[in-house]
Protein backbone atom coordinates (compact mmCIF):
# COMPACT_ATOMS: atom_id res chain seq x y z
CA MET A 1 73.50 3.60 165.54
CA GLY A 2 75.73 4.84 168.56
CA LEU A 3 78.84 3.22 167.38
CA GLY A 4 80.16 6.67 166.04
CA GLN A 5 79.45 8.22 169.42
CA LEU A 6 81.25 5.34 171.26
CA TYR A 7 84.23 5.63 168.85
CA ASN A 8 84.26 9.45 169.72
CA ARG A 9 84.28 8.36 173.36
CA GLN A 10 80.73 9.78 174.22
CA TYR A 11 79.86 6.44 175.86
CA ILE A 12 76.55 7.49 177.50
CA LYS A 13 75.27 9.04 174.27
CA GLY A 14 76.36 6.05 172.24
CA LEU A 15 74.59 3.68 174.67
CA LEU A 16 71.37 5.61 174.37
CA PHE A 17 71.46 5.64 170.50
CA LEU A 18 72.11 1.80 170.70
CA ALA A 19 69.13 1.40 173.13
CA VAL A 20 66.88 3.42 170.76
CA GLU A 21 68.07 1.20 167.88
CA ALA A 22 67.38 -1.95 169.65
CA LEU A 23 63.87 -0.90 170.68
CA GLY A 24 63.13 0.37 167.19
CA LEU A 25 64.49 -2.80 165.45
CA ALA A 26 62.47 -4.90 167.99
CA TYR A 27 59.29 -3.19 166.93
CA LEU A 28 60.05 -3.11 163.30
CA ILE A 29 61.09 -6.81 163.06
CA LYS A 30 57.88 -7.68 164.66
CA ASN A 31 55.60 -5.37 162.66
CA LEU A 32 57.25 -4.31 159.48
CA GLY A 33 56.52 -7.37 157.41
CA THR A 34 52.83 -7.48 158.34
CA ALA A 35 52.54 -3.57 157.76
CA ILE A 36 53.94 -3.97 154.19
CA TRP A 37 51.62 -6.92 153.48
CA GLY A 38 48.50 -5.15 154.99
CA ILE A 39 49.26 -1.86 153.02
CA ILE A 40 49.33 -3.81 149.65
CA THR A 41 46.65 -6.31 150.22
CA LEU A 42 44.20 -4.55 152.76
CA GLY A 43 43.47 -8.08 154.04
CA GLU A 44 42.71 -11.35 152.35
CA VAL A 45 40.30 -13.16 154.36
CA PRO A 46 36.78 -11.88 154.69
CA ARG A 47 34.38 -12.72 157.54
CA MET A 48 33.01 -16.23 157.17
CA LEU A 49 30.14 -18.52 158.44
CA VAL A 50 31.76 -21.74 159.52
CA LYS A 51 29.51 -24.41 160.94
CA GLY A 52 26.64 -21.99 161.77
CA LYS A 53 29.09 -19.49 163.50
CA TRP A 54 30.58 -16.33 162.06
CA VAL A 55 34.39 -16.22 162.29
CA ASP A 56 36.00 -12.94 161.81
CA GLY A 57 38.63 -12.28 159.13
CA ASP A 58 40.64 -9.39 158.27
CA HIS A 59 39.42 -5.85 158.96
CA SER A 60 40.84 -3.92 156.03
CA ILE A 61 40.53 -0.41 157.90
CA PHE A 62 42.33 -1.74 161.08
CA ILE A 63 45.12 -3.17 158.90
CA MET A 64 45.39 0.05 157.08
CA ILE A 65 45.78 1.99 160.20
CA GLN A 66 48.09 -0.27 161.89
CA SER A 67 50.33 -0.40 158.75
CA LEU A 68 50.30 3.23 158.48
CA ILE A 69 51.38 3.70 162.14
CA THR A 70 54.24 1.19 161.53
CA LEU A 71 55.33 2.98 158.40
CA LEU A 72 55.43 6.47 160.06
CA PHE A 73 57.45 4.72 162.91
CA LEU A 74 59.91 3.47 160.24
CA ALA A 75 60.13 7.16 158.73
CA VAL A 76 60.92 8.43 162.35
CA PHE A 77 63.40 5.69 163.00
CA ILE A 78 65.13 6.61 159.64
CA ILE A 79 65.25 10.12 160.61
CA VAL A 80 66.74 9.56 164.04
CA TYR A 81 69.50 7.27 162.40
CA ILE A 82 70.41 10.07 159.88
CA LEU A 83 70.71 12.56 162.85
CA ASN A 84 72.90 9.96 164.71
CA VAL A 85 75.18 9.60 161.56
CA LYS A 86 75.44 13.70 161.40
CA ASP A 87 76.08 13.88 164.85
CA ALA A 88 79.09 11.31 164.93
CA ARG A 89 80.35 13.06 161.67
CA ASN A 90 80.46 16.68 163.41
CA ILE A 91 81.95 15.21 166.64
CA GLY A 92 84.67 13.51 164.51
CA GLN A 93 85.32 16.61 162.56
CA GLU A 94 85.77 18.53 165.85
CA ARG A 95 88.28 15.81 167.19
CA GLU A 96 90.22 16.24 163.92
CA ARG A 97 90.47 19.96 164.77
CA GLY A 98 91.81 19.09 168.16
CA LYS A 99 88.70 19.83 170.16
CA LYS A 100 87.81 17.37 172.95
CA PRO A 101 84.26 15.89 172.62
CA ASN A 102 81.69 16.86 175.18
CA ASN A 103 80.90 14.49 177.85
CA PHE A 104 77.32 13.53 178.57
CA LYS A 105 76.66 16.38 181.15
CA GLN A 106 78.27 18.91 178.80
CA SER A 107 75.96 17.58 175.89
CA VAL A 108 72.78 17.93 177.91
CA ARG A 109 73.90 21.49 179.01
CA TYR A 110 74.61 22.39 175.20
CA VAL A 111 71.12 21.16 174.35
CA LEU A 112 69.43 23.16 177.14
CA ASP A 113 71.33 26.22 176.33
CA TYR A 114 71.28 26.21 172.32
CA LYS A 115 68.91 23.43 171.11
CA PHE A 116 66.26 23.73 173.85
CA ALA A 117 63.50 24.87 171.26
CA VAL A 118 64.32 22.22 168.97
CA ALA A 119 64.38 19.51 171.45
CA PHE A 120 61.19 20.68 173.22
CA LEU A 121 59.35 21.00 169.91
CA SER A 122 60.19 17.37 169.08
CA ILE A 123 57.53 16.21 171.47
CA PRO A 124 54.61 18.01 170.08
CA ALA A 125 56.04 17.26 166.49
CA ALA A 126 55.72 13.68 167.13
CA GLY A 127 52.00 14.30 168.39
CA ILE A 128 51.10 16.25 165.24
CA LEU A 129 52.74 13.52 163.22
CA PHE A 130 50.47 10.70 164.77
CA PHE A 131 47.33 12.68 165.60
CA THR A 132 47.15 15.16 162.60
CA VAL A 133 49.31 14.18 159.72
CA MET A 134 48.52 10.44 160.03
CA PRO A 135 44.62 10.99 159.87
CA ILE A 136 45.18 13.13 156.82
CA ILE A 137 47.38 10.56 155.10
CA PHE A 138 44.67 7.94 156.14
CA MET A 139 41.91 10.18 154.51
CA VAL A 140 43.79 10.45 151.28
CA MET A 141 44.44 6.61 151.26
CA LEU A 142 40.69 6.02 151.63
CA ALA A 143 39.85 7.94 148.45
CA PHE A 144 41.90 5.31 146.42
CA THR A 145 39.79 2.43 147.96
CA ASN A 146 36.18 1.12 147.52
CA TYR A 147 35.35 1.67 151.17
CA SER A 148 31.84 2.49 150.91
CA ALA A 149 28.22 0.98 151.82
CA PRO A 150 26.73 -1.50 151.16
CA LYS A 151 29.34 -3.92 149.78
CA HIS A 152 32.47 -2.99 151.24
CA ILE A 153 32.19 -2.33 154.95
CA PRO A 154 34.39 -4.32 157.12
CA PRO A 155 34.36 -6.65 159.00
CA ALA A 156 31.72 -8.27 156.84
CA MET A 157 33.61 -7.66 153.68
CA LEU A 158 37.05 -6.58 152.57
CA VAL A 159 38.19 -3.01 151.16
CA ASP A 160 40.35 -3.08 147.99
CA TRP A 161 42.46 -0.53 146.21
CA VAL A 162 40.70 1.12 143.10
CA GLY A 163 43.18 3.67 142.23
CA PHE A 164 41.42 6.71 140.84
CA GLY A 165 38.28 4.91 140.28
CA THR A 166 36.50 7.01 142.87
CA PHE A 167 37.55 10.35 141.44
CA LYS A 168 36.62 8.98 138.03
CA GLU A 169 32.96 8.31 139.27
CA LEU A 170 32.89 11.68 141.03
CA VAL A 171 33.65 13.68 137.93
CA VAL A 172 32.47 11.39 134.99
CA LEU A 173 29.62 9.08 136.38
CA LYS A 174 26.48 10.97 135.72
CA THR A 175 24.76 9.98 138.89
CA TRP A 176 27.73 11.61 140.85
CA SER A 177 29.07 14.20 138.49
CA HIS A 178 25.73 16.24 138.36
CA THR A 179 25.66 16.46 142.28
CA PHE A 180 29.44 17.17 142.39
CA TYR A 181 29.33 20.12 139.76
CA GLY A 182 26.08 21.44 141.18
CA VAL A 183 27.35 21.46 144.76
CA LEU A 184 30.76 22.73 143.63
CA THR A 185 29.21 25.60 141.71
CA TRP A 186 27.02 26.70 144.79
CA THR A 187 30.15 26.47 146.97
CA ILE A 188 32.01 28.90 144.90
CA ILE A 189 29.03 31.29 144.54
CA TRP A 190 28.58 31.14 148.34
CA ALA A 191 32.21 31.72 149.02
CA VAL A 192 32.30 34.72 146.79
CA LEU A 193 29.08 36.37 147.81
CA SER A 194 29.47 35.54 151.58
CA THR A 195 33.07 36.97 151.61
CA ILE A 196 32.03 40.06 149.59
CA THR A 197 29.10 40.94 151.44
CA THR A 198 30.76 40.34 155.01
CA TYR A 199 33.80 42.36 154.01
CA PHE A 200 32.38 45.33 152.39
CA GLY A 201 29.56 45.44 154.80
CA GLY A 202 32.06 45.51 157.65
CA LEU A 203 33.93 48.18 155.66
CA LEU A 204 30.90 50.42 155.16
CA VAL A 205 29.86 50.01 158.83
CA ALA A 206 33.50 50.77 160.21
CA LEU A 207 33.62 54.05 157.78
CA LEU A 208 30.22 55.34 159.18
CA ILE A 209 31.14 54.65 162.85
CA ASN A 210 34.63 56.45 162.15
CA GLN A 211 33.03 59.54 160.76
CA LYS A 212 33.82 62.74 162.73
CA GLY A 213 30.29 63.74 163.34
CA ILE A 214 29.23 60.43 164.88
CA ARG A 215 28.64 60.58 168.66
CA PHE A 216 28.98 57.78 171.03
CA LYS A 217 31.21 55.53 168.84
CA GLY A 218 31.77 53.16 171.67
CA VAL A 219 28.00 52.54 172.02
CA TRP A 220 27.68 51.89 168.25
CA ARG A 221 30.58 49.59 168.29
CA THR A 222 29.10 47.57 171.17
CA ILE A 223 25.69 47.29 169.81
CA LEU A 224 27.03 46.16 166.34
CA ILE A 225 29.46 43.55 167.74
CA LEU A 226 26.57 41.89 169.69
CA PRO A 227 25.73 39.37 166.79
CA TYR A 228 29.48 38.34 166.94
CA ALA A 229 29.42 38.16 170.85
CA VAL A 230 26.50 35.86 170.81
CA PRO A 231 27.66 32.23 170.21
CA GLN A 232 27.03 31.37 166.47
CA LEU A 233 25.27 28.19 167.33
CA ILE A 234 22.53 30.17 169.18
CA SER A 235 22.45 32.85 166.58
CA LEU A 236 21.99 30.46 163.63
CA LEU A 237 19.25 28.44 165.55
CA VAL A 238 17.29 31.51 166.32
CA MET A 239 17.48 32.70 162.67
CA LYS A 240 16.29 29.31 161.68
CA ASN A 241 13.32 29.71 163.82
CA MET A 242 12.75 33.47 162.56
CA PHE A 243 12.84 32.51 158.86
CA ASN A 244 10.50 29.52 159.41
CA GLY A 245 7.83 29.47 156.61
CA GLN A 246 4.89 28.47 158.67
CA PHE A 247 5.22 30.07 162.04
CA GLY A 248 8.34 32.29 161.90
CA PRO A 249 7.89 36.03 162.87
CA ILE A 250 9.46 37.40 159.63
CA ASN A 251 6.52 36.00 157.67
CA GLN A 252 4.05 37.06 160.35
CA TYR A 253 5.42 40.80 160.02
CA LEU A 254 5.04 40.40 156.24
CA GLY A 255 1.35 39.39 156.68
CA TYR A 256 0.65 42.40 158.92
CA PHE A 257 1.49 44.52 155.91
CA GLY A 258 -0.51 42.60 153.55
CA LEU A 259 2.33 40.76 152.01
CA GLY A 260 2.47 36.90 151.38
CA GLY A 261 5.12 34.97 153.22
CA LEU A 262 8.10 33.76 151.57
CA PRO A 263 9.58 30.08 151.53
CA TRP A 264 12.66 31.28 152.99
CA LEU A 265 14.07 27.74 153.71
CA THR A 266 11.93 25.44 151.62
CA ASP A 267 12.48 26.93 148.13
CA PRO A 268 15.99 26.36 146.74
CA PHE A 269 16.46 30.05 145.49
CA TRP A 270 15.25 31.75 148.66
CA ALA A 271 17.08 29.24 150.89
CA LYS A 272 20.33 30.45 149.27
CA VAL A 273 19.44 34.07 149.67
CA THR A 274 18.60 33.51 153.37
CA VAL A 275 21.91 31.78 154.32
CA ILE A 276 23.64 34.66 152.52
CA VAL A 277 21.76 37.30 154.41
CA VAL A 278 22.10 35.66 157.69
CA ASN A 279 25.78 35.03 157.26
CA MET A 280 26.09 38.88 156.80
CA TRP A 281 24.39 39.34 160.18
CA VAL A 282 27.03 37.05 161.70
CA GLY A 283 30.08 38.06 159.72
CA ILE A 284 29.84 41.81 159.27
CA PRO A 285 30.86 42.54 162.83
CA VAL A 286 34.07 40.53 162.45
CA SER A 287 35.12 42.73 159.39
CA MET A 288 34.03 45.77 161.21
CA LEU A 289 36.43 45.26 164.08
CA LEU A 290 39.16 44.30 161.77
CA ILE A 291 38.82 47.49 159.44
CA LEU A 292 38.10 49.81 162.63
CA GLY A 293 41.61 48.61 163.88
CA VAL A 294 43.09 49.47 160.59
CA LEU A 295 41.54 52.95 160.36
CA THR A 296 43.08 53.84 163.67
CA THR A 297 46.64 53.27 162.20
CA ILE A 298 46.27 55.50 159.04
CA PRO A 299 48.27 58.55 159.54
CA LYS A 300 46.34 61.69 159.44
CA ASP A 301 48.97 63.46 157.59
CA LEU A 302 47.83 61.62 154.46
CA TYR A 303 44.23 63.00 154.68
CA GLU A 304 45.68 66.54 155.33
CA ALA A 305 48.02 66.35 152.23
CA ALA A 306 45.13 65.16 150.28
CA GLU A 307 42.88 67.97 151.42
CA VAL A 308 45.62 70.46 150.57
CA ASP A 309 45.65 68.96 146.90
CA GLY A 310 41.87 69.50 146.72
CA ALA A 311 40.77 65.97 147.25
CA THR A 312 37.03 65.36 147.72
CA GLY A 313 35.88 62.78 150.50
CA PHE A 314 35.49 60.05 147.91
CA GLN A 315 38.86 60.67 146.41
CA LYS A 316 40.52 60.57 149.88
CA PHE A 317 38.87 57.15 150.36
CA LYS A 318 39.82 55.89 147.02
CA ILE A 319 43.41 57.06 147.17
CA VAL A 320 44.22 56.82 151.02
CA THR A 321 41.77 54.78 152.94
CA LEU A 322 40.85 51.85 150.66
CA PRO A 323 44.56 51.01 149.71
CA MET A 324 45.67 51.07 153.24
CA ILE A 325 42.70 48.82 154.36
CA LEU A 326 43.37 46.27 151.42
CA PHE A 327 47.07 46.32 152.14
CA THR A 328 46.63 45.33 155.73
CA THR A 329 43.62 43.07 155.48
CA ALA A 330 44.15 41.34 152.12
CA PRO A 331 45.72 38.16 153.82
CA THR A 332 42.79 38.08 156.05
CA LEU A 333 40.33 38.49 153.16
CA ILE A 334 41.88 35.48 151.43
CA ALA A 335 41.65 33.46 154.82
CA GLN A 336 37.94 34.46 155.04
CA PHE A 337 37.19 33.24 151.46
CA ALA A 338 38.88 29.90 152.30
CA GLY A 339 37.04 29.65 155.51
CA ASN A 340 33.74 30.34 153.80
CA ILE A 341 34.28 27.47 151.38
CA ASN A 342 34.33 25.34 154.53
CA ASN A 343 31.64 27.23 156.44
CA PHE A 344 29.99 24.20 157.96
CA ASN A 345 28.15 25.88 160.68
CA ALA A 346 26.17 28.41 158.61
CA ILE A 347 24.72 25.90 156.27
CA PHE A 348 24.27 22.93 158.52
CA LEU A 349 22.67 24.85 161.52
CA LEU A 350 20.46 27.07 159.30
CA THR A 351 19.32 24.59 156.62
CA GLY A 352 20.96 21.30 157.09
CA GLY A 353 21.72 21.55 153.31
CA ASP A 354 18.00 21.50 152.46
CA PRO A 355 15.80 21.85 150.65
CA VAL A 356 16.23 18.37 149.03
CA LYS A 357 16.94 18.09 145.42
CA GLY A 358 15.59 14.98 143.79
CA ASP A 359 18.28 14.83 141.01
CA TYR A 360 21.18 15.05 143.74
CA GLN A 361 22.95 12.18 145.36
CA TYR A 362 22.46 12.65 149.10
CA ALA A 363 22.77 16.52 148.82
CA GLY A 364 20.38 19.35 149.09
CA ALA A 365 20.14 22.68 147.26
CA THR A 366 22.18 24.62 149.78
CA ASP A 367 24.82 21.99 150.54
CA LEU A 368 28.42 22.88 150.30
CA LEU A 369 31.06 20.36 149.42
CA VAL A 370 31.92 20.20 153.25
CA THR A 371 28.32 19.37 154.30
CA TRP A 372 27.80 16.95 151.65
CA LEU A 373 30.96 15.39 152.75
CA TYR A 374 29.54 15.07 156.15
CA LYS A 375 26.29 13.45 154.94
CA LEU A 376 28.30 11.01 152.81
CA THR A 377 30.36 10.00 155.87
CA LEU A 378 27.89 10.09 158.74
CA ASN A 379 24.68 9.14 157.02
CA GLN A 380 25.49 7.09 153.85
CA ASN A 381 28.88 5.45 154.83
CA LYS A 382 30.26 6.46 151.47
CA TYR A 383 33.87 6.97 152.86
CA ASN A 384 35.81 6.77 149.83
CA MET A 385 33.72 9.32 148.10
CA ALA A 386 33.82 11.66 151.01
CA SER A 387 37.59 11.41 151.16
CA ALA A 388 37.93 12.28 147.50
CA ILE A 389 35.68 15.31 148.02
CA GLY A 390 37.89 16.20 151.01
CA ILE A 391 40.95 16.02 148.73
CA ILE A 392 39.33 18.26 146.12
CA ILE A 393 38.33 20.79 148.88
CA PHE A 394 41.88 20.94 149.95
CA VAL A 395 43.24 21.39 146.43
CA ILE A 396 40.91 24.09 145.75
CA ILE A 397 41.50 26.00 149.09
CA ALA A 398 45.32 25.62 149.08
CA SER A 399 45.78 26.60 145.34
CA PHE A 400 43.61 29.67 145.71
CA SER A 401 45.14 30.81 149.04
CA ILE A 402 48.72 30.32 148.07
CA TYR A 403 48.29 31.89 144.66
CA ASN A 404 46.47 34.85 145.86
CA TYR A 405 48.53 35.27 149.07
CA ARG A 406 51.63 35.52 147.05
CA ARG A 407 50.04 38.27 144.88
CA THR A 408 49.22 40.55 147.85
CA LYS A 409 51.31 43.59 148.16
CA SER A 410 52.02 42.86 151.87
CA PHE A 411 53.54 39.44 150.91
CA LYS A 412 55.68 41.08 148.16
CA GLU A 413 57.02 43.79 150.59
CA GLU A 414 57.83 41.23 153.25
CA ASP A 415 59.69 39.10 150.81
CA MET A 416 61.61 42.21 149.52
CA ILE A 417 62.72 42.97 153.04
CA GLN A 418 63.95 39.49 153.58
């Protein structure tokens, strides 16, 4: 690395590349062998009791992380080497055409003038690689191990690769599959109902506010946006107390009218109804604001033309308003559905995933996949199972989002323009 630049008489650049290679090789010679051994074996010596004293052995998770860092560094090193070769080849081609190579000062000036964005973004890109991509890869790798309590928690015991065994247990083994399919079904039902109710609820409220006969529109918008303006943590905790079956004000009000209180948070069915209703309270203002913005952009000429053709109010809504709203908000609607699959706050803060279901593994009646994952990780130390669930969540969200986004009219028209 750097010899091509030295041959092209770019001495400072060549020496810098040589220095990078020297430092990189020094690190790789010291760590690469251990990294390859570690990623294959995940350690060989467990913690042992020797002469009455515990002697630490290999920590499988530390070994996995350190090996992963080294392998990612190797990937970056290879990319830098390829860029070095391409740079030397390009400079050589310019010399063959009779152009004098840039000196170091001219090279720096060229980067600042024409490649500044690429050079500047390389710093956060490295951060993203090691602080975002690496944890994701680490999570994926955990799903193919037996890293879980009580038998495979370092440093007391080693962790081993098990291939797709974790996924097989999750979808086939009855003790896990019953919980998985039950939680997955509720997650999809929750995502569909919460998205539909908040979106079309917001649409209804926006249309009502936007009517010509409505006065003080700004006041109505301010009042209706208050649930969104209040931090969601506070709103959900307040709602949790309001729906409390023993001392909550809602059941007290029902009692004043001679009606019996309902087990809002303790019965599986009513707990699901409660979280959907509360999510409407929190989510409708967001959709209302979004749709109000779209309504202001619809040309009045379209409505006037529809009136000339004799269209009724409903026909104008069906032909003009709804298509324009869906065209603009379809990507956002898809994002809301994906977000609701991972709507951790609404479930965890309101019900905590409860009420408990006796035939579920560490999950309650209102648990989503993401809250179940949280319980498996933080409470039960079932890290491999939680990682497998995380991968499944990603596959569901990514597949749904990409497929539906590519089918929206806004994406198709943008693709046609390009």
